[in-house]
């Protein structure tokens, strides 16, 4: 398992599937949504406000995408998190 350092977190991105009323699927880049949602899988030791399993919202295009053991993850800094979703 990956262990983020300092004030970094590792998330899995929740891909948003968009479908029109007529059943047409749109790419995730269509529309005006400027954020992504992810679930935290690991938290750096210097972070106390976030926990593994939290669902977080962050700006699109932020962070470093990595592939580790066949899984895709995104490494973000704590300051990139906009909100925690319930």
Protein backbone atom coordinates (compact mmCIF):
# COMPACT_ATOMS: atom_id res chain seq x y z
CA UNK A 1 0.00 0.00 0.00
CA UNK A 2 1.08 3.53 -0.65
CA UNK A 3 1.81 5.86 2.28
CA UNK A 4 1.55 9.59 1.55
CA UNK A 5 4.12 11.83 3.16
CA UNK A 6 3.54 14.97 5.21
CA UNK A 7 0.31 16.80 4.29
CA UNK A 8 -0.63 14.67 1.28
CA UNK A 9 -3.54 12.30 0.76
CA UNK A 10 -4.23 9.52 -1.72
CA UNK A 11 -7.71 9.20 -3.22
CA UNK A 12 -9.56 7.08 -5.72
CA UNK A 13 -11.50 9.33 -8.09
CA UNK A 14 -15.24 8.76 -8.31
CA UNK A 15 -15.96 9.01 -12.03
CA UNK A 16 -19.15 10.87 -12.82
CA UNK A 17 -21.32 9.27 -15.45
CA UNK A 18 -23.48 11.77 -17.26
CA UNK A 19 -26.51 10.70 -19.22
CA UNK A 20 -28.94 12.91 -21.09
CA UNK A 21 -32.72 12.46 -20.87
CA UNK A 22 -32.62 10.70 -24.25
CA UNK A 23 -30.05 8.16 -22.98
CA UNK A 24 -26.88 9.57 -24.54
CA UNK A 25 -23.77 9.22 -22.37
CA UNK A 26 -21.57 12.30 -22.16
CA UNK A 27 -17.84 12.39 -21.46
CA UNK A 28 -16.80 13.48 -17.99
CA UNK A 29 -15.26 16.63 -19.51
CA UNK A 30 -18.58 17.90 -20.83
CA UNK A 31 -20.57 20.41 -18.82
CA UNK A 32 -19.43 23.10 -16.45
CA UNK A 33 -18.51 20.95 -13.45
CA UNK A 34 -15.16 22.19 -12.19
CA UNK A 35 -14.71 19.68 -9.35
CA UNK A 36 -14.07 15.99 -8.85
CA UNK A 37 -14.99 13.72 -5.96
CA UNK A 38 -12.82 11.01 -4.44
CA UNK A 39 -12.58 8.64 -1.52
CA UNK A 40 -9.50 8.86 0.68
CA UNK A 41 -7.50 5.62 0.82
CA UNK A 42 -4.50 6.97 2.78
CA UNK A 43 -3.65 10.10 4.76
CA UNK A 44 -0.23 11.63 5.49
CA UNK A 45 0.86 11.69 9.12
CA UNK A 46 0.68 15.51 9.39
CA UNK A 47 -3.07 15.63 8.67
CA UNK A 48 -5.60 15.42 11.48
CA UNK A 49 -8.73 16.85 9.81
CA UNK A 50 -9.18 14.06 7.20
CA UNK A 51 -9.51 10.30 7.55
CA UNK A 52 -9.36 7.20 5.41
CA UNK A 53 -12.80 6.61 3.89
CA UNK A 54 -13.80 10.30 3.78
CA UNK A 55 -15.38 11.48 0.52
CA UNK A 56 -13.68 14.71 -0.56
CA UNK A 57 -14.29 17.34 -3.24
CA UNK A 58 -11.35 18.95 -5.06
CA UNK A 59 -10.75 20.99 -8.25
CA UNK A 60 -10.43 19.11 -11.56
CA UNK A 61 -6.88 18.85 -12.89
CA UNK A 62 -5.23 19.03 -9.46
CA UNK A 63 -2.86 16.40 -8.10
CA UNK A 64 -0.67 13.66 -9.51
CA UNK A 65 -2.28 10.59 -11.09
CA UNK A 66 -0.49 7.31 -10.44
CA UNK A 67 -1.06 3.63 -11.16
CA UNK A 68 -0.02 1.32 -8.34
CA UNK A 69 -0.57 -2.45 -8.39
CA UNK A 70 -3.17 -2.11 -11.13
CA UNK A 71 -5.20 0.59 -9.37
CA UNK A 72 -5.46 4.26 -10.30
CA UNK A 73 -4.97 6.85 -7.57
CA UNK A 74 -4.57 10.59 -7.25
CA UNK A 75 -2.13 12.19 -4.79
CA UNK A 76 -3.32 15.57 -3.49
CA UNK A 77 -2.07 18.07 -0.98
CA UNK A 78 -4.32 18.77 2.00
CA UNK A 79 -4.72 22.38 0.85
CA UNK A 80 -6.31 21.14 -2.44
CA UNK A 81 -9.34 19.71 -0.63
CA UNK A 82 -12.34 22.03 -0.94
CA UNK A 83 -14.83 20.08 1.20
CA UNK A 84 -15.70 16.77 2.83
CA UNK A 85 -19.01 15.31 1.66
CA UNK A 86 -21.42 13.48 3.95
